[in-house]
Amino acid sequence: MQYGFIIDNRKCIGCHACTVACKAEHEVPLGVNRTWVKYIEKGTYPNTARHFSVMRCNHCEDAPCVEICPVTALYTRKDGIVDFDPRRCIGCKGCMQACPYDALYIDPDTHTAAKCNYCAHRVDIGLEPACVNVCPEHAIISGDMDDGSTEISQLLAKEQVTVRKIEKDTKPRLYYIDGDEASLTPGETATSDNYMWSSQSDGVGHFARYIEERTAKADPEDMIRQLGGAGQDGQDGANGQEDQNERTGNGTGKDAAARRVYDAPDKGVLWGNDVAAYVWTKAISAGAFLLPFAASVFGHAVDPVLVWAGCTVALTFLLATTILLVSDLTQPKRFLYVLFRPQWRSWLVLGGYALTLYGLALTLWAAAMWTGRTGAAEIIGWVTAALAVITAVYTAFLFAQAKGRDFWQSPTLVLHMLLHAVLAGAAVFALALLFGAPGEAWSAFVRNTLIVAVILNLLVIASEMLTPHPTADARKAVQAIVRGRYRVYFWILGIAIGNLAPFVLAWIGGEAMLAAAGAGVLIGLYATEYVWVRAPQDIPLS
C-alpha cells in the first residue's frame, strides 16, 4: 500500500477550498499553509491565461526531510505517508532546508515543524483527506497507488503526469495532470511583494506570531493599493520587482510572459546569523587546537603557554558554538533530544556528538597535560585532533543533506570548511603575537601557514565560483554572491579584507603585520560564512 496524490489541472478552478479545508481540519494558524494554490498568468491582455497548481508535501519515497531530521519527528509510515510528531521536534528547521518543495513550515503556536500529513487520522478510519473531500471539481485524487482498482492507480496508468523537481531523486508521490512548467518550476516566474494577497512582510512561519499585531498597525489605504496591484507609493511596483529579481536571481529569461499573481508567503531566511556565526566559531575552536598540534607533529617546539592558550580558545569557542546552535532552535529546551533520541542518518546528530566528544577530548587532554601524563596526553591529542577535523567539516555534510539548496551540494564544501579551520587557527595565533613574542620559529610557522592557507582558500573559492553549476538555482546563488546583493560582503570583506590584504601583510612580515593579517582573516571568514549560508536561501523553492 502506497498512498499518493494526483492534481488534475484540467479541473482545478483555483477556489482555495482545499486550503480552507486543510486549515479547518488541522487548525493551521494564520500566515502558514499545509496546502495552498499557486496562480500564474501568461500572455498580455486580452490574450491571457491563468494556471493553478496545488502545492503541498509530496510524500516522497526517499524523503530528504526524514533523513535530515535529528530526532525522528518526521518519519515515513508503511503506507508511504510522511507524517510528523510535533512532540519530538526541536525546531532546527533542517527539514525545511532539505525539502525541495517548500512544504514545511514552523508552526507559530507550537514552535515546531508542520506540514501536510495526508490527513493520516482520517485515512486510518477509512476517510479521504479533507482537501479531497471538499474539492468541488474533484481535481484532487488520493488513494493507494499499488491497488489497480483505485482511481489514482488507473489515472497513473493512462494519463501523462508530471512531478516537481524530478532531478532531486526524491521519488515524489504528488503527480500533476496537465502540469504547467512555469507554475511547477519556481525559477520560471519571479517572486514579488506586489501581487494579490501577498503581504509577505507581515511575517510567516516562525515570524507569523507577529502577523496580527503588524496587520493591526498597517495603513488601510496602503493595503488597498497593494490589493489593487500597486506598490506602496501608488506605482506599478516595477522598482520593487527589480530589487526582488536581484535578490533571487530571477530575470526575464525563458517564458518571460509568465508571472505569479498568487502564491504562499516567502518563509525568508531560515538559517540566519546564528548559523553563520556558529560555523565561524567552530572553525576557530577546531583551528585553535589543530595549529599547535600540527606544529608539534612537524617537529616544531611549541611554547606550553601557547598550547594552553590554544586549548582555552578552543573550549571557549566550542561553548559559543553550542550556545549559538541552541539559540537557533525554536524549541531550545529540547536540545538534548539530539543526543538522547538520535536519528543516526542525520548529520545534525553526528555533528552534535562530534561537538560533545571534541569538548570531552579537549578536557581529558588538558587534564592529562596538567597532571604531567605526557604519554596519555599524546594519545588523547591524536584523538582530539581527529575530532577537531570532524567538528570543522561536518557542517558540509549537513548542508549536503539540505537538498532544497542546490548551492550547498558542492563537493568542495568539505575542503572549504577545513581550510577555514586552518585559517582561523593561524589568525588566532597571529593575533596572539601582540601579547608576546614566543620565538622566531613559531612566528615563521604561523606566517607560512597563513600564507599557504590563504592561497588554497582563494583557489577553492575560485573553483566554487567559476566551475559551471549543474542547476539554475545554484547559478543564481553564485550570481547573487558575485554580482548581486552579497557582492560587497564577498568582494570587500571576504576577498579583499579576508584574503588579499592578509596575504600581503603576512608576506611583509613582522608581528604587527601578522596580527593585522589575523584580524583581517577572521573578518573575512565571518563574511564568507554569512554569504555562503544566506545566499542559497534567497532562491524560492515553490
Protein backbone atom coordinates (compact mmCIF):
# COMPACT_ATOMS: atom_id res chain seq x y z
CA MET A 1 0.00 0.00 0.00
CA GLN A 2 1.44 3.32 -1.10
CA TYR A 3 -0.69 6.44 -0.88
CA GLY A 4 -0.28 9.34 -3.29
CA PHE A 5 -1.99 12.37 -4.79
CA ILE A 6 -2.90 13.42 -8.31
CA ILE A 7 -3.73 17.06 -9.05
CA ASP A 8 -5.84 17.24 -12.21
CA ASN A 9 -5.11 20.73 -13.53
CA ARG A 10 -7.76 20.27 -16.25
CA LYS A 11 -10.35 20.65 -13.49
CA CYS A 12 -8.80 22.91 -10.84
CA ILE A 13 -10.54 26.31 -10.69
CA GLY A 14 -8.29 27.88 -8.04
CA CYS A 15 -11.07 28.24 -5.49
CA HIS A 16 -8.85 27.53 -2.46
CA ALA A 17 -11.42 25.19 -0.94
CA CYS A 18 -8.60 22.71 -0.33
CA THR A 19 -6.57 25.35 1.54
CA VAL A 20 -9.51 26.33 3.71
CA ALA A 21 -10.49 22.72 4.43
CA CYS A 22 -6.92 21.90 5.41
CA LYS A 23 -6.73 24.90 7.73
CA ALA A 24 -10.03 23.95 9.36
CA GLU A 25 -9.16 20.27 9.72
CA HIS A 26 -5.76 20.88 11.32
CA GLU A 27 -6.31 24.31 12.91
CA VAL A 28 -3.45 25.73 10.84
CA PRO A 29 -2.52 29.20 12.17
CA LEU A 30 -2.69 32.45 10.26
CA GLY A 31 0.24 33.08 7.92
CA VAL A 32 1.19 29.47 7.13
CA ASN A 33 -0.31 26.72 4.98
CA ARG A 34 -0.07 22.97 4.59
CA THR A 35 -1.83 23.19 1.22
CA TRP A 36 -2.00 26.24 -1.00
CA VAL A 37 -2.79 27.14 -4.60
CA LYS A 38 -0.27 28.97 -6.73
CA TYR A 39 -1.56 31.15 -9.58
CA ILE A 40 0.43 32.20 -12.62
CA GLU A 41 -0.68 34.17 -15.66
CA LYS A 42 0.67 34.10 -19.20
CA GLY A 43 0.26 36.45 -22.10
CA THR A 44 -0.75 40.08 -22.49
CA TYR A 45 -4.30 41.35 -22.04
CA PRO A 46 -6.69 40.41 -23.56
CA ASN A 47 -4.84 37.24 -24.63
CA THR A 48 -4.08 35.89 -21.18
CA ALA A 49 -4.44 32.54 -19.46
CA ARG A 50 -4.30 31.67 -15.75
CA HIS A 51 -2.90 28.37 -14.47
CA PHE A 52 -3.40 26.88 -11.00
CA SER A 53 -1.16 24.46 -9.15
CA VAL A 54 -1.97 22.93 -5.76
CA MET A 55 1.22 22.89 -3.67
CA ARG A 56 1.84 20.65 -0.67
CA CYS A 57 4.05 17.89 0.72
CA ASN A 58 4.96 15.38 -1.99
CA HIS A 59 5.17 12.42 0.45
CA CYS A 60 8.41 11.36 -1.21
CA GLU A 61 9.51 7.75 -1.27
CA ASP A 62 13.04 8.95 -0.45
CA ALA A 63 12.11 11.92 1.73
CA PRO A 64 15.11 14.18 2.49
CA CYS A 65 13.22 15.76 5.41
CA VAL A 66 13.08 12.36 7.13
CA GLU A 67 16.80 11.79 6.58
CA ILE A 68 17.91 15.13 7.99
CA CYS A 69 15.54 15.20 10.99
CA PRO A 70 17.76 14.57 14.04
CA VAL A 71 15.03 13.27 16.37
CA THR A 72 12.68 11.23 14.12
CA ALA A 73 9.99 13.88 14.39
CA LEU A 74 9.45 13.19 10.69
CA TYR A 75 9.01 9.58 9.59
CA THR A 76 7.62 7.54 6.71
CA ARG A 77 4.74 5.19 7.52
CA LYS A 78 4.39 1.75 5.97
CA ASP A 79 1.66 3.11 3.69
CA GLY A 80 4.03 5.77 2.27
CA ILE A 81 2.61 8.76 4.18
CA VAL A 82 5.32 11.06 5.52
CA ASP A 83 3.99 12.00 8.94
CA PHE A 84 5.40 14.04 11.82
CA ASP A 85 5.33 14.07 15.62
CA PRO A 86 5.44 17.63 16.99
CA ARG A 87 6.21 16.30 20.48
CA ARG A 88 9.71 15.34 19.35
CA CYS A 89 10.54 18.32 17.11
CA ILE A 90 13.35 20.62 18.31
CA GLY A 91 12.71 23.30 15.67
CA CYS A 92 16.09 23.04 13.95
CA LYS A 93 14.49 23.89 10.56
CA GLY A 94 16.69 21.30 8.86
CA CYS A 95 13.64 19.66 7.30
CA MET A 96 12.65 22.96 5.71
CA GLN A 97 16.09 23.26 4.13
CA ALA A 98 16.03 19.64 2.96
CA CYS A 99 12.60 19.76 1.31
CA PRO A 100 12.93 20.81 -2.35
CA TYR A 101 9.19 21.60 -2.45
CA ASP A 102 8.93 24.20 0.35
CA ALA A 103 6.28 22.05 2.01
CA LEU A 104 7.22 22.54 5.67
CA TYR A 105 6.85 25.49 8.00
CA ILE A 106 7.36 26.35 11.66
CA ASP A 107 4.01 26.48 13.43
CA PRO A 108 3.84 29.85 15.24
CA ASP A 109 1.75 28.32 18.04
CA THR A 110 3.71 25.13 18.80
CA HIS A 111 7.11 26.36 17.53
CA THR A 112 7.59 23.02 15.82
CA ALA A 113 7.71 21.94 12.19
CA ALA A 114 4.46 21.00 10.46
CA LYS A 115 3.21 20.05 7.01
CA CYS A 116 0.56 18.09 5.12
CA ASN A 117 0.36 14.60 6.64
CA TYR A 118 -2.22 13.25 4.17
CA CYS A 119 -4.84 13.64 6.92
CA ALA A 120 -3.47 10.39 8.32
CA HIS A 121 -6.04 10.41 11.15
CA ARG A 122 -8.83 10.38 8.54
CA VAL A 123 -7.17 7.79 6.32
CA ASP A 124 -6.77 5.44 9.30
CA ILE A 125 -10.56 5.29 9.72
CA GLY A 126 -11.32 4.94 6.01
CA LEU A 127 -11.93 8.60 5.09
CA GLU A 128 -10.31 10.68 2.37
CA PRO A 129 -8.13 13.70 3.17
CA ALA A 130 -10.13 16.85 3.87
CA CYS A 131 -8.89 18.60 0.71
CA VAL A 132 -10.05 15.69 -1.47
CA ASN A 133 -13.44 15.60 0.22
CA VAL A 134 -14.12 19.32 -0.24
CA CYS A 135 -12.80 19.90 -3.80
CA PRO A 136 -15.87 20.89 -5.88
CA GLU A 137 -14.32 19.75 -9.19
CA HIS A 138 -12.72 16.51 -7.99
CA ALA A 139 -9.37 17.95 -9.06
CA ILE A 140 -7.53 16.27 -6.16
CA ILE A 141 -7.44 12.47 -6.31
CA SER A 142 -5.97 10.39 -3.50
CA GLY A 143 -5.66 6.69 -2.82
CA ASP A 144 -3.50 3.58 -2.89
CA MET A 145 -1.31 3.64 -5.99
CA ASP A 146 -0.48 -0.06 -5.62
CA ASP A 147 -4.15 -1.09 -5.88
CA GLY A 148 -5.10 -1.38 -9.56
CA SER A 149 -8.77 -0.87 -8.78
CA THR A 150 -8.34 2.65 -7.36
CA GLU A 151 -8.97 5.79 -9.40
CA ILE A 152 -5.47 7.14 -8.76
CA SER A 153 -3.87 3.93 -9.98
CA GLN A 154 -5.95 3.93 -13.15
CA LEU A 155 -5.21 7.60 -13.87
CA LEU A 156 -1.48 6.99 -13.43
CA ALA A 157 -1.72 4.14 -15.92
CA LYS A 158 -3.48 6.07 -18.69
CA GLU A 159 -2.65 9.78 -18.24
CA GLN A 160 0.57 11.69 -18.89
CA VAL A 161 1.64 13.03 -15.49
CA THR A 162 4.48 15.22 -14.27
CA VAL A 163 6.16 15.72 -10.91
CA ARG A 164 8.10 18.61 -9.45
CA LYS A 165 11.92 18.60 -9.42
CA ILE A 166 12.41 15.04 -10.61
CA GLU A 167 16.17 15.71 -10.70
CA LYS A 168 16.24 15.66 -6.89
CA ASP A 169 15.59 11.89 -6.99
CA THR A 170 13.19 12.07 -4.05
CA LYS A 171 10.60 9.95 -5.92
CA PRO A 172 7.65 12.24 -5.12
CA ARG A 173 4.14 10.80 -4.85
CA LEU A 174 2.35 14.01 -5.89
CA TYR A 175 1.54 13.95 -9.60
CA TYR A 176 0.08 16.61 -11.90
CA ILE A 177 -2.10 16.02 -14.95
CA ASP A 178 -1.60 18.85 -17.44
CA GLY A 179 1.01 20.38 -15.13
CA ASP A 180 2.36 23.71 -16.37
CA GLU A 181 6.14 24.04 -16.25
CA ALA A 182 6.06 27.76 -15.50
CA SER A 183 3.89 27.06 -12.48
CA LEU A 184 5.65 23.96 -11.17
CA THR A 185 9.21 25.28 -11.62
CA PRO A 186 9.90 28.13 -9.15
CA GLY A 187 12.59 29.78 -11.26
CA GLU A 188 10.30 30.23 -14.26
CA THR A 189 8.46 33.12 -12.61
CA ALA A 190 9.82 35.93 -10.47
CA THR A 191 8.58 36.41 -6.92
CA SER A 192 7.08 39.74 -5.93
CA ASP A 193 5.59 41.53 -2.95
CA ASN A 194 3.06 43.37 -5.12
CA TYR A 195 0.62 40.74 -6.34
CA MET A 196 -2.77 39.73 -4.95
CA TRP A 197 -2.84 38.97 -1.22
CA SER A 198 0.94 38.95 -0.94
CA SER A 199 1.52 40.94 2.25
CA GLN A 200 4.62 38.85 2.85
CA SER A 201 6.27 41.44 5.05
CA ASP A 202 3.72 40.67 7.75
CA GLY A 203 5.71 37.54 8.57
CA VAL A 204 5.19 33.82 8.17
CA GLY A 205 6.32 30.62 9.82
CA HIS A 206 8.32 31.30 12.98
CA PHE A 207 7.72 35.05 12.39
CA ALA A 208 3.95 34.62 11.96
CA ARG A 209 3.28 35.27 15.64
CA TYR A 210 3.68 38.97 14.81
CA ILE A 211 1.20 38.99 11.92
CA GLU A 212 -1.92 40.10 13.80
CA GLU A 213 -0.06 42.89 15.58
CA ARG A 214 1.54 44.16 12.38
CA THR A 215 -1.67 43.90 10.37
CA ALA A 216 -3.48 45.97 13.02
CA LYS A 217 -0.85 48.69 12.63
CA ALA A 218 -0.96 48.65 8.83
CA ASP A 219 -2.19 51.65 6.84
CA PRO A 220 -5.63 50.73 5.33
CA GLU A 221 -5.04 52.91 2.26
CA ASP A 222 -1.69 51.24 1.65
CA MET A 223 -3.35 47.80 1.96
CA ILE A 224 -5.99 48.84 -0.59
CA ARG A 225 -3.28 49.96 -3.01
CA GLN A 226 -1.48 46.62 -2.58
CA LEU A 227 -4.68 44.65 -3.17
CA GLY A 228 -5.27 46.76 -6.26
CA GLY A 229 -1.87 45.75 -7.64
CA ALA A 230 0.03 48.96 -6.90
CA GLY A 231 3.18 49.43 -4.86
CA GLN A 232 3.31 51.35 -1.62
CA ASP A 233 3.85 54.61 -3.45
CA GLY A 234 0.97 54.00 -5.87
CA GLN A 235 3.35 52.90 -8.61
CA ASP A 236 3.24 49.69 -10.61
CA GLY A 237 5.80 48.01 -8.38
CA ALA A 238 8.46 47.82 -11.10
CA ASN A 239 11.22 49.11 -8.84
CA GLY A 240 10.30 46.64 -6.10
CA GLN A 241 10.23 43.83 -8.65
CA GLU A 242 13.68 44.84 -9.93
CA ASP A 243 15.07 44.69 -6.38
CA GLN A 244 13.41 41.32 -5.82
CA ASN A 245 14.85 39.95 -9.08
CA GLU A 246 18.32 40.99 -7.93
CA ARG A 247 17.76 39.26 -4.59
CA THR A 248 16.55 35.97 -6.03
CA GLY A 249 18.45 35.98 -9.30
CA ASN A 250 15.21 35.82 -11.28
CA GLY A 251 15.22 37.65 -14.57
CA THR A 252 13.02 37.55 -17.61
CA GLY A 253 14.62 34.55 -19.31
CA LYS A 254 12.55 31.64 -20.53
CA ASP A 255 8.77 32.11 -20.59
CA ALA A 256 9.10 35.80 -19.69
CA ALA A 257 5.34 36.34 -20.12
CA ALA A 258 4.59 34.07 -17.17
CA ARG A 259 4.12 35.90 -13.86
CA ARG A 260 2.93 35.00 -10.37
CA VAL A 261 -0.35 36.51 -9.30
CA TYR A 262 -0.99 34.47 -6.16
CA ASP A 263 1.38 32.45 -4.01
CA ALA A 264 2.10 31.47 -0.43
CA PRO A 265 4.25 33.93 1.54
CA ASP A 266 8.01 33.52 1.40
CA LYS A 267 9.38 31.93 4.60
CA GLY A 268 12.51 34.05 4.34
CA VAL A 269 15.96 33.09 5.62
CA LEU A 270 15.58 30.08 7.92
CA TRP A 271 19.21 29.71 8.96
CA GLY A 272 20.43 33.22 9.58
CA ASN A 273 23.13 34.97 11.60
CA ASP A 274 23.21 32.34 14.36
CA VAL A 275 24.12 29.59 11.89
CA ALA A 276 26.73 31.72 10.09
CA ALA A 277 28.25 32.62 13.48
CA TYR A 278 28.29 29.02 14.68
CA VAL A 279 30.14 27.85 11.55
CA TRP A 280 32.66 30.63 12.25
CA THR A 281 33.08 29.86 15.97
CA LYS A 282 33.55 26.13 15.46
CA ALA A 283 36.21 26.85 12.80
CA ILE A 284 38.07 28.95 15.39
CA SER A 285 37.63 26.23 18.03
CA ALA A 286 38.97 23.50 15.74
CA GLY A 287 41.82 25.61 14.37
CA ALA A 288 42.99 26.79 17.80
CA PHE A 289 43.80 23.20 18.77
CA LEU A 290 44.92 21.92 15.37
CA LEU A 291 47.60 24.55 14.71
CA PRO A 292 49.88 23.92 17.75
CA PHE A 293 49.20 20.18 17.46
CA ALA A 294 50.28 20.20 13.79
CA ALA A 295 53.36 22.25 14.70
CA SER A 296 54.44 19.65 17.27
CA VAL A 297 53.82 16.83 14.79
CA PHE A 298 56.12 18.54 12.27
CA GLY A 299 58.85 18.84 14.87
CA HIS A 300 58.42 22.44 15.96
CA ALA A 301 58.93 23.21 19.63
CA VAL A 302 55.76 24.90 20.86
CA ASP A 303 55.78 27.05 23.99
CA PRO A 304 53.50 25.44 26.65
CA VAL A 305 51.84 28.83 27.14
CA LEU A 306 50.71 28.74 23.51
CA VAL A 307 49.44 25.18 23.91
CA TRP A 308 47.32 26.17 26.89
CA ALA A 309 46.15 29.32 25.12
CA GLY A 310 45.04 27.22 22.14
CA CYS A 311 43.15 24.80 24.42
CA THR A 312 41.44 27.70 26.22
CA VAL A 313 40.39 29.34 22.95
CA ALA A 314 39.16 26.00 21.60
CA LEU A 315 36.98 25.32 24.64
CA THR A 316 35.66 28.89 24.76
CA PHE A 317 34.61 28.98 21.13
CA LEU A 318 33.24 25.43 21.35
CA LEU A 319 30.97 26.66 24.15
CA ALA A 320 29.99 29.64 21.98
CA THR A 321 29.18 27.23 19.13
CA THR A 322 26.88 25.21 21.38
CA ILE A 323 25.11 28.35 22.63
CA LEU A 324 24.55 29.56 19.05
CA LEU A 325 23.22 26.15 17.97
CA VAL A 326 20.74 26.04 20.83
CA SER A 327 19.65 29.65 20.39
CA ASP A 328 18.74 28.99 16.74
CA LEU A 329 16.22 26.29 17.72
CA THR A 330 12.56 27.19 18.07
CA GLN A 331 12.34 24.57 20.83
CA PRO A 332 15.68 25.09 22.62
CA LYS A 333 14.57 23.20 25.74
CA ARG A 334 14.52 20.01 23.66
CA PHE A 335 18.13 20.31 22.52
CA LEU A 336 19.22 17.19 24.41
CA TYR A 337 16.82 15.13 22.27
CA VAL A 338 19.61 15.25 19.66
CA LEU A 339 21.82 13.19 21.97
CA PHE A 340 19.23 11.05 23.73
CA ARG A 341 16.71 10.46 20.91
CA PRO A 342 19.02 10.42 17.90
CA GLN A 343 18.19 9.57 14.30
CA TRP A 344 21.59 8.39 13.17
CA ARG A 345 21.37 9.27 9.48
CA SER A 346 21.12 12.98 10.32
CA TRP A 347 24.33 14.98 10.30
CA LEU A 348 22.77 17.20 12.96
CA VAL A 349 23.04 14.20 15.28
CA LEU A 350 26.52 13.22 14.11
CA GLY A 351 27.62 16.83 14.41
CA GLY A 352 26.13 17.12 17.88
CA TYR A 353 28.07 14.07 19.01
CA ALA A 354 31.23 15.40 17.31
CA LEU A 355 30.97 18.65 19.27
CA THR A 356 30.31 16.79 22.52
CA LEU A 357 33.17 14.32 22.06
CA TYR A 358 35.52 17.10 20.95
CA GLY A 359 34.76 19.04 24.12
CA LEU A 360 35.27 15.92 26.23
CA ALA A 361 38.55 15.08 24.48
CA LEU A 362 39.83 18.64 24.97
CA THR A 363 39.05 18.39 28.68
CA LEU A 364 40.75 15.00 29.05
CA TRP A 365 43.78 16.22 27.11
CA ALA A 366 44.05 19.30 29.34
CA ALA A 367 43.75 17.10 32.45
CA ALA A 368 46.48 14.76 31.19
CA MET A 369 48.77 17.71 30.45
CA TRP A 370 48.07 19.30 33.83
CA THR A 371 48.90 16.11 35.72
CA GLY A 372 52.07 15.51 33.70
CA ARG A 373 50.90 12.31 31.99
CA THR A 374 52.58 13.11 28.68
CA GLY A 375 52.13 9.61 27.22
CA ALA A 376 48.38 9.69 27.75
CA ALA A 377 48.26 13.31 26.56
CA GLU A 378 49.95 12.34 23.27
CA ILE A 379 47.40 9.58 22.58
CA ILE A 380 44.47 11.78 23.58
CA GLY A 381 45.93 14.58 21.44
CA TRP A 382 45.62 12.49 18.28
CA VAL A 383 42.02 11.61 19.13
CA THR A 384 41.28 15.28 19.86
CA ALA A 385 42.84 16.36 16.55
CA ALA A 386 40.68 13.87 14.63
CA LEU A 387 37.57 15.15 16.42
CA ALA A 388 38.64 18.75 15.69
CA VAL A 389 38.75 17.94 11.97
CA ILE A 390 35.31 16.29 12.12
CA THR A 391 33.97 19.29 14.04
CA ALA A 392 35.34 21.62 11.38
CA VAL A 393 33.87 19.79 8.37
CA TYR A 394 30.66 18.04 9.47
CA THR A 395 28.51 21.05 8.52
CA ALA A 396 29.44 20.43 4.88
CA PHE A 397 27.69 17.05 5.10
CA LEU A 398 24.73 18.64 6.89
CA PHE A 399 24.41 21.21 4.11
CA ALA A 400 24.59 18.37 1.57
CA GLN A 401 21.53 16.82 3.25
CA ALA A 402 19.69 20.12 2.69
CA LYS A 403 18.65 19.06 -0.82
CA GLY A 404 16.46 22.10 -1.27
CA ARG A 405 19.54 24.35 -1.53
CA ASP A 406 21.45 23.47 -4.68
CA PHE A 407 24.47 25.67 -3.97
CA TRP A 408 25.23 23.69 -0.81
CA GLN A 409 25.64 20.47 -2.80
CA SER A 410 29.18 21.47 -3.82
CA PRO A 411 31.75 18.67 -3.36
CA THR A 412 34.38 21.26 -2.39
CA LEU A 413 32.47 22.37 0.70
CA VAL A 414 34.38 19.91 2.92
CA LEU A 415 37.73 21.36 1.82
CA HIS A 416 36.26 24.87 2.14
CA MET A 417 35.42 24.33 5.82
CA LEU A 418 38.65 22.51 6.67
CA LEU A 419 40.68 25.37 5.21
CA HIS A 420 38.62 27.84 7.21
CA ALA A 421 39.57 26.00 10.39
CA VAL A 422 43.27 26.19 9.48
CA LEU A 423 42.92 29.87 8.58
CA ALA A 424 41.07 30.60 11.81
CA GLY A 425 43.73 28.85 13.88
CA ALA A 426 46.54 30.75 12.16
CA ALA A 427 44.62 34.02 12.62
CA VAL A 428 44.14 33.41 16.35
CA PHE A 429 47.84 32.79 16.94
CA ALA A 430 48.79 35.69 14.68
CA LEU A 431 46.75 37.96 16.95
CA ALA A 432 48.38 36.33 19.98
CA LEU A 433 51.74 37.68 18.80
CA LEU A 434 50.63 41.07 20.11
CA PHE A 435 50.82 39.70 23.66
CA GLY A 436 54.40 38.47 23.43
CA ALA A 437 56.94 37.00 21.03
CA PRO A 438 57.24 33.22 21.57
CA GLY A 439 60.15 32.93 19.16
CA GLU A 440 61.06 33.34 15.52
CA ALA A 441 60.41 29.68 14.67
CA TRP A 442 56.80 29.84 15.88
CA SER A 443 56.18 33.21 14.20
CA ALA A 444 57.52 31.79 10.95
CA PHE A 445 55.29 28.72 11.26
CA VAL A 446 52.20 30.90 11.80
CA ARG A 447 53.19 33.19 8.93
CA ASN A 448 53.80 30.35 6.47
CA THR A 449 50.62 28.55 7.48
CA LEU A 450 48.62 31.75 6.98
CA ILE A 451 50.11 32.40 3.54
CA VAL A 452 49.59 28.85 2.28
CA ALA A 453 46.06 28.62 3.70
CA VAL A 454 45.07 31.93 2.06
CA ILE A 455 46.34 30.75 -1.32
CA LEU A 456 44.48 27.43 -1.04
CA ASN A 457 41.34 29.19 0.21
CA LEU A 458 41.34 31.53 -2.78
CA LEU A 459 41.73 28.56 -5.12
CA VAL A 460 38.80 26.76 -3.51
CA ILE A 461 36.59 29.87 -3.67
CA ALA A 462 37.57 30.37 -7.31
CA SER A 463 36.61 26.78 -8.10
CA GLU A 464 33.25 27.22 -6.37
CA MET A 465 32.52 30.45 -8.21
CA LEU A 466 33.93 29.62 -11.66
CA THR A 467 33.08 25.93 -12.06
CA PRO A 468 29.80 25.58 -14.02
CA HIS A 469 27.00 24.60 -11.66
CA PRO A 470 24.52 21.95 -12.84
CA THR A 471 21.30 23.71 -11.77
CA ALA A 472 19.75 27.11 -12.34
CA ASP A 473 19.24 27.67 -8.60
CA ALA A 474 22.94 27.13 -7.86
CA ARG A 475 23.87 29.53 -10.65
CA LYS A 476 21.50 32.16 -9.25
CA ALA A 477 23.14 31.83 -5.83
CA VAL A 478 26.56 32.38 -7.42
CA GLN A 479 25.26 35.45 -9.26
CA ALA A 480 23.83 36.85 -6.01
CA ILE A 481 27.23 36.38 -4.35
CA VAL A 482 29.41 37.72 -7.16
CA ARG A 483 27.20 40.41 -8.71
CA GLY A 484 24.06 40.64 -6.56
CA ARG A 485 23.11 41.77 -3.08
CA TYR A 486 26.03 39.95 -1.41
CA ARG A 487 28.79 41.33 -3.65
CA VAL A 488 30.06 43.81 -1.03
CA TYR A 489 30.29 41.11 1.64
CA PHE A 490 32.03 38.79 -0.81
CA TRP A 491 34.47 41.08 -2.63
CA ILE A 492 35.27 43.71 0.02
CA LEU A 493 35.06 41.77 3.29
CA GLY A 494 35.58 38.20 2.11
CA ILE A 495 38.19 38.56 -0.64
CA ALA A 496 39.93 41.91 -0.13
CA ILE A 497 40.00 42.21 3.68
CA GLY A 498 39.83 38.48 4.43
CA ASN A 499 42.35 37.11 1.93
CA LEU A 500 44.29 39.56 -0.24
CA ALA A 501 45.22 42.05 2.49
CA PRO A 502 46.29 39.28 4.95
CA PHE A 503 48.42 37.69 2.24
CA VAL A 504 50.26 40.97 1.61
CA LEU A 505 50.63 41.74 5.33
CA ALA A 506 51.89 38.24 6.14
CA TRP A 507 54.30 38.37 3.22
CA ILE A 508 55.76 41.65 4.53
CA GLY A 509 56.21 40.01 7.94
CA GLY A 510 56.59 41.41 11.42
CA GLU A 511 54.47 40.78 14.49
CA ALA A 512 52.22 43.81 13.99
CA MET A 513 51.65 42.95 10.35
CA LEU A 514 50.86 39.32 11.20
CA ALA A 515 48.41 40.41 13.88
CA ALA A 516 46.65 42.72 11.41
CA ALA A 517 46.57 39.85 8.91
CA GLY A 518 44.95 37.63 11.55
CA ALA A 519 42.26 40.20 12.27
CA GLY A 520 41.53 40.55 8.56
CA VAL A 521 41.26 36.78 8.14
CA LEU A 522 38.72 36.47 10.96
CA ILE A 523 36.61 39.28 9.47
CA GLY A 524 36.79 37.68 6.03
CA LEU A 525 35.90 34.22 7.36
CA TYR A 526 32.73 35.50 9.01
CA ALA A 527 31.73 37.45 5.89
CA THR A 528 32.26 34.36 3.73
CA GLU A 529 30.22 32.12 6.05
CA TYR A 530 27.47 34.76 6.15
CA VAL A 531 27.29 34.81 2.34
CA TRP A 532 27.52 31.03 1.92
CA VAL A 533 24.73 30.44 4.45
CA ARG A 534 22.30 33.13 3.32
CA ALA A 535 22.61 33.43 -0.46
CA PRO A 536 21.15 29.99 -1.35
CA GLN A 537 18.16 30.65 0.92
CA ASP A 538 17.09 33.61 -1.21
CA ILE A 539 16.21 31.25 -4.05
CA PRO A 540 12.46 30.35 -3.93
CA LEU A 541 11.58 26.65 -3.66
CA SER A 542 7.93 26.93 -4.74
